[in-house]
């Protein structure tokens, strides 16, 4: 899923959260978690690509499935579950907003990144697959894989 789609959707969700609750903390944490979840692409690029960083190279490495291995530790339903448990154990609008933003991000990626196995967003599945493209891609040449 493209970064601009996450920015637009997270902004809309953050606005709705503020309109419904009046909580700036919920709104800001929803926006930040919905967009910044993609920060885990950067260490993967730096550690695994073997390329000099350029914005164009970075986005094409992600979007064109040029990676041979990928970790994306923040993109996981297991982490989402841990965040849900934290929001339950420590009630507060900021954690609820973070949960909303992360959930929206994962659902958008799950629906939009068709070049990946449907189980890709489970960290356990990626681990068992050795984090390798061959095991994680739904087919060679998939697009929008992040």
C-alpha atoms as a PDB file:
ATOM      1  CA  UNK A   1       0.000   0.000   0.000  1.00  0.00           C
ATOM      2  CA  UNK A   2       1.325   3.414  -0.906  1.00  0.00           C
ATOM      3  CA  UNK A   3       2.389   5.855   1.806  1.00  0.00           C
ATOM      4  CA  UNK A   4      -0.036   8.510   0.536  1.00  0.00           C
ATOM      5  CA  UNK A   5      -2.954   6.093   1.011  1.00  0.00           C
ATOM      6  CA  UNK A   6      -1.885   5.509   4.629  1.00  0.00           C
ATOM      7  CA  UNK A   7      -1.543   9.241   5.237  1.00  0.00           C
ATOM      8  CA  UNK A   8      -5.007   9.979   3.822  1.00  0.00           C
ATOM      9  CA  UNK A   9      -6.754   7.098   5.589  1.00  0.00           C
ATOM     10  CA  UNK A  10      -4.998   7.735   8.905  1.00  0.00           C
ATOM     11  CA  UNK A  11      -5.820  11.444   8.706  1.00  0.00           C
ATOM     12  CA  UNK A  12      -9.489  10.626   8.112  1.00  0.00           C
ATOM     13  CA  UNK A  13      -9.517   8.110  10.969  1.00  0.00           C
ATOM     14  CA  UNK A  14      -7.753  10.584  13.272  1.00  0.00           C
ATOM     15  CA  UNK A  15     -10.286  13.274  12.381  1.00  0.00           C
ATOM     16  CA  UNK A  16     -13.169  10.899  13.016  1.00  0.00           C
ATOM     17  CA  UNK A  17     -11.637   9.809  16.324  1.00  0.00           C
ATOM     18  CA  UNK A  18     -11.348  13.435  17.411  1.00  0.00           C
ATOM     19  CA  UNK A  19     -14.884  14.254  16.274  1.00  0.00           C
ATOM     20  CA  UNK A  20     -16.296  11.282  18.182  1.00  0.00           C
ATOM     21  CA  UNK A  21     -14.242  11.519  21.376  1.00  0.00           C
ATOM     22  CA  UNK A  22     -12.782  15.028  21.541  1.00  0.00           C
ATOM     23  CA  UNK A  23      -9.470  13.413  22.452  1.00  0.00           C
ATOM     24  CA  UNK A  24      -6.417  15.012  20.856  1.00  0.00           C
ATOM     25  CA  UNK A  25      -4.263  12.176  22.234  1.00  0.00           C
ATOM     26  CA  UNK A  26      -6.379   9.574  20.512  1.00  0.00           C
ATOM     27  CA  UNK A  27      -6.381  11.517  17.279  1.00  0.00           C
ATOM     28  CA  UNK A  28      -2.615  12.122  17.207  1.00  0.00           C
ATOM     29  CA  UNK A  29      -1.717   8.555  18.193  1.00  0.00           C
ATOM     30  CA  UNK A  30      -4.082   7.210  15.520  1.00  0.00           C
ATOM     31  CA  UNK A  31      -2.453   9.364  12.857  1.00  0.00           C
ATOM     32  CA  UNK A  32       1.106   8.592  13.946  1.00  0.00           C
ATOM     33  CA  UNK A  33       0.651   4.834  14.305  1.00  0.00           C
ATOM     34  CA  UNK A  34      -1.226   4.626  11.015  1.00  0.00           C
ATOM     35  CA  UNK A  35       1.590   6.316   9.123  1.00  0.00           C
ATOM     36  CA  UNK A  36       4.774   5.581  11.064  1.00  0.00           C
ATOM     37  CA  UNK A  37       4.209   1.825  11.114  1.00  0.00           C
ATOM     38  CA  UNK A  38       6.009   1.860   7.773  1.00  0.00           C
ATOM     39  CA  UNK A  39       9.223   2.972   9.514  1.00  0.00           C
ATOM     40  CA  UNK A  40      10.186  -0.695   9.780  1.00  0.00           C
ATOM     41  CA  UNK A  41      10.856  -0.695   6.030  1.00  0.00           C
ATOM     42  CA  UNK A  42      13.933   1.495   6.554  1.00  0.00           C
ATOM     43  CA  UNK A  43      16.084  -0.891   8.608  1.00  0.00           C
ATOM     44  CA  UNK A  44      15.118  -3.727   6.275  1.00  0.00           C
ATOM     45  CA  UNK A  45      16.274  -1.679   3.280  1.00  0.00           C
ATOM     46  CA  UNK A  46      19.520  -0.616   4.968  1.00  0.00           C
ATOM     47  CA  UNK A  47      20.332  -4.103   6.268  1.00  0.00           C
ATOM     48  CA  UNK A  48      19.122  -6.250   3.389  1.00  0.00           C
ATOM     49  CA  UNK A  49      19.149  -4.372   0.092  1.00  0.00           C
ATOM     50  CA  UNK A  50      22.868  -3.816  -0.387  1.00  0.00           C
ATOM     51  CA  UNK A  51      21.958  -0.569  -2.168  1.00  0.00           C
ATOM     52  CA  UNK A  52      22.838   3.046  -1.450  1.00  0.00           C
ATOM     53  CA  UNK A  53      19.779   4.805  -0.035  1.00  0.00           C
ATOM     54  CA  UNK A  54      17.804   6.979  -2.409  1.00  0.00           C
ATOM     55  CA  UNK A  55      14.094   7.647  -2.079  1.00  0.00           C
ATOM     56  CA  UNK A  56      13.425   6.239  -5.539  1.00  0.00           C
ATOM     57  CA  UNK A  57      15.511   3.123  -4.872  1.00  0.00           C
ATOM     58  CA  UNK A  58      13.913   2.614  -1.477  1.00  0.00           C
ATOM     59  CA  UNK A  59      10.342   2.798  -2.775  1.00  0.00           C
ATOM     60  CA  UNK A  60      11.039   0.600  -5.775  1.00  0.00           C
ATOM     61  CA  UNK A  61      12.791  -1.985  -3.563  1.00  0.00           C
ATOM     62  CA  UNK A  62       9.648  -2.143  -1.405  1.00  0.00           C
ATOM     63  CA  UNK A  63       6.957  -1.819  -4.074  1.00  0.00           C
ATOM     64  CA  UNK A  64       8.460  -4.084  -6.712  1.00  0.00           C
ATOM     65  CA  UNK A  65       9.323  -6.972  -4.374  1.00  0.00           C
ATOM     66  CA  UNK A  66      13.024  -6.530  -5.096  1.00  0.00           C
ATOM     67  CA  UNK A  67      13.804  -7.818  -1.627  1.00  0.00           C
ATOM     68  CA  UNK A  68      15.090 -11.350  -1.168  1.00  0.00           C
ATOM     69  CA  UNK A  69      14.389 -11.266   2.582  1.00  0.00           C
ATOM     70  CA  UNK A  70      12.253  -8.929   4.668  1.00  0.00           C
ATOM     71  CA  UNK A  71      11.446  -8.682   8.375  1.00  0.00           C
ATOM     72  CA  UNK A  72       8.984  -5.779   8.889  1.00  0.00           C
ATOM     73  CA  UNK A  73       8.689  -6.425  12.614  1.00  0.00           C
ATOM     74  CA  UNK A  74       6.047  -3.738  13.148  1.00  0.00           C
ATOM     75  CA  UNK A  75       3.767  -5.176  10.456  1.00  0.00           C
ATOM     76  CA  UNK A  76       2.340  -8.046  12.462  1.00  0.00           C
ATOM     77  CA  UNK A  77      -0.979  -9.118  13.864  1.00  0.00           C
ATOM     78  CA  UNK A  78       0.905 -10.483  16.870  1.00  0.00           C
ATOM     79  CA  UNK A  79       2.171  -6.989  17.725  1.00  0.00           C
ATOM     80  CA  UNK A  80      -1.351  -5.656  17.150  1.00  0.00           C
ATOM     81  CA  UNK A  81      -2.626  -8.205  19.687  1.00  0.00           C
ATOM     82  CA  UNK A  82       0.018  -7.100  22.206  1.00  0.00           C
ATOM     83  CA  UNK A  83      -1.028  -3.484  21.674  1.00  0.00           C
ATOM     84  CA  UNK A  84      -4.682  -4.487  22.198  1.00  0.00           C
ATOM     85  CA  UNK A  85      -3.723  -6.190  25.466  1.00  0.00           C
ATOM     86  CA  UNK A  86      -1.797  -3.081  26.549  1.00  0.00           C
ATOM     87  CA  UNK A  87      -4.810  -0.883  25.695  1.00  0.00           C
ATOM     88  CA  UNK A  88      -7.017  -3.182  27.753  1.00  0.00           C
ATOM     89  CA  UNK A  89      -4.587  -3.320  30.704  1.00  0.00           C
ATOM     90  CA  UNK A  90      -3.834   0.415  30.645  1.00  0.00           C
ATOM     91  CA  UNK A  91      -6.998   2.127  29.423  1.00  0.00           C
ATOM     92  CA  UNK A  92      -6.454   5.449  27.746  1.00  0.00           C
ATOM     93  CA  UNK A  93      -7.339   7.291  24.599  1.00  0.00           C
ATOM     94  CA  UNK A  94      -3.753   7.425  23.299  1.00  0.00           C
ATOM     95  CA  UNK A  95      -3.383   3.635  23.300  1.00  0.00           C
ATOM     96  CA  UNK A  96      -6.841   3.264  21.773  1.00  0.00           C
ATOM     97  CA  UNK A  97      -5.820   5.658  19.006  1.00  0.00           C
ATOM     98  CA  UNK A  98      -2.583   3.771  18.387  1.00  0.00           C
ATOM     99  CA  UNK A  99      -4.574   0.552  18.152  1.00  0.00           C
ATOM    100  CA  UNK A 100      -6.983   2.139  15.687  1.00  0.00           C
ATOM    101  CA  UNK A 101      -4.187   3.506  13.493  1.00  0.00           C
ATOM    102  CA  UNK A 102      -2.200   0.273  13.496  1.00  0.00           C
ATOM    103  CA  UNK A 103      -5.295  -1.814  12.791  1.00  0.00           C
ATOM    104  CA  UNK A 104      -6.263   0.414   9.885  1.00  0.00           C
ATOM    105  CA  UNK A 105      -2.737   0.232   8.481  1.00  0.00           C
ATOM    106  CA  UNK A 106      -2.595  -3.565   8.673  1.00  0.00           C
ATOM    107  CA  UNK A 107      -6.051  -3.982   7.124  1.00  0.00           C
ATOM    108  CA  UNK A 108      -5.161  -1.633   4.264  1.00  0.00           C
ATOM    109  CA  UNK A 109      -1.919  -3.514   3.630  1.00  0.00           C
ATOM    110  CA  UNK A 110      -3.679  -6.881   3.833  1.00  0.00           C
ATOM    111  CA  UNK A 111      -6.299  -5.772   1.280  1.00  0.00           C
ATOM    112  CA  UNK A 112      -3.984  -3.810  -0.990  1.00  0.00           C
ATOM    113  CA  UNK A 113      -0.793  -5.852  -1.197  1.00  0.00           C
ATOM    114  CA  UNK A 114      -1.945  -8.679  -3.396  1.00  0.00           C
ATOM    115  CA  UNK A 115       1.552  -9.807  -4.351  1.00  0.00           C
ATOM    116  CA  UNK A 116       1.998 -11.365  -0.909  1.00  0.00           C
ATOM    117  CA  UNK A 117       0.789 -14.573   0.684  1.00  0.00           C
ATOM    118  CA  UNK A 118      -2.403 -13.903   2.643  1.00  0.00           C
ATOM    119  CA  UNK A 119      -0.579 -14.930   5.857  1.00  0.00           C
ATOM    120  CA  UNK A 120       2.243 -12.414   5.323  1.00  0.00           C
ATOM    121  CA  UNK A 121       1.155 -10.092   8.148  1.00  0.00           C
ATOM    122  CA  UNK A 122       1.646 -12.795  10.768  1.00  0.00           C
ATOM    123  CA  UNK A 123       5.205 -12.480  12.063  1.00  0.00           C
ATOM    124  CA  UNK A 124       5.210 -16.167  12.988  1.00  0.00           C
ATOM    125  CA  UNK A 125       4.445 -17.062   9.364  1.00  0.00           C
ATOM    126  CA  UNK A 126       7.277 -14.846   8.087  1.00  0.00           C
ATOM    127  CA  UNK A 127       9.643 -16.359  10.658  1.00  0.00           C
ATOM    128  CA  UNK A 128       8.704 -19.917   9.699  1.00  0.00           C
ATOM    129  CA  UNK A 129       9.170 -18.951   6.029  1.00  0.00           C
ATOM    130  CA  UNK A 130      12.688 -17.733   6.801  1.00  0.00           C
ATOM    131  CA  UNK A 131      11.623 -14.177   5.895  1.00  0.00           C
ATOM    132  CA  UNK A 132      12.308 -15.098   2.260  1.00  0.00           C
ATOM    133  CA  UNK A 133      10.523 -13.625  -0.746  1.00  0.00           C
ATOM    134  CA  UNK A 134      10.120 -17.030  -2.385  1.00  0.00           C
ATOM    135  CA  UNK A 135       8.033 -18.241   0.540  1.00  0.00           C
ATOM    136  CA  UNK A 136       6.215 -14.967   1.227  1.00  0.00           C
ATOM    137  CA  UNK A 137       5.238 -13.760  -2.226  1.00  0.00           C
ATOM    138  CA  UNK A 138       1.962 -14.998  -3.692  1.00  0.00           C
ATOM    139  CA  UNK A 139       3.678 -15.085  -7.069  1.00  0.00           C
ATOM    140  CA  UNK A 140       6.741 -13.565  -8.683  1.00  0.00           C
ATOM    141  CA  UNK A 141       6.346 -10.018  -9.896  1.00  0.00           C
ATOM    142  CA  UNK A 142       3.757  -9.011  -7.288  1.00  0.00           C
ATOM    143  CA  UNK A 143       3.309  -5.283  -6.730  1.00  0.00           C
ATOM    144  CA  UNK A 144       2.844  -2.934  -3.782  1.00  0.00           C
ATOM    145  CA  UNK A 145       4.420  -5.317  -1.332  1.00  0.00           C
ATOM    146  CA  UNK A 146       4.729  -3.521   1.951  1.00  0.00           C
END
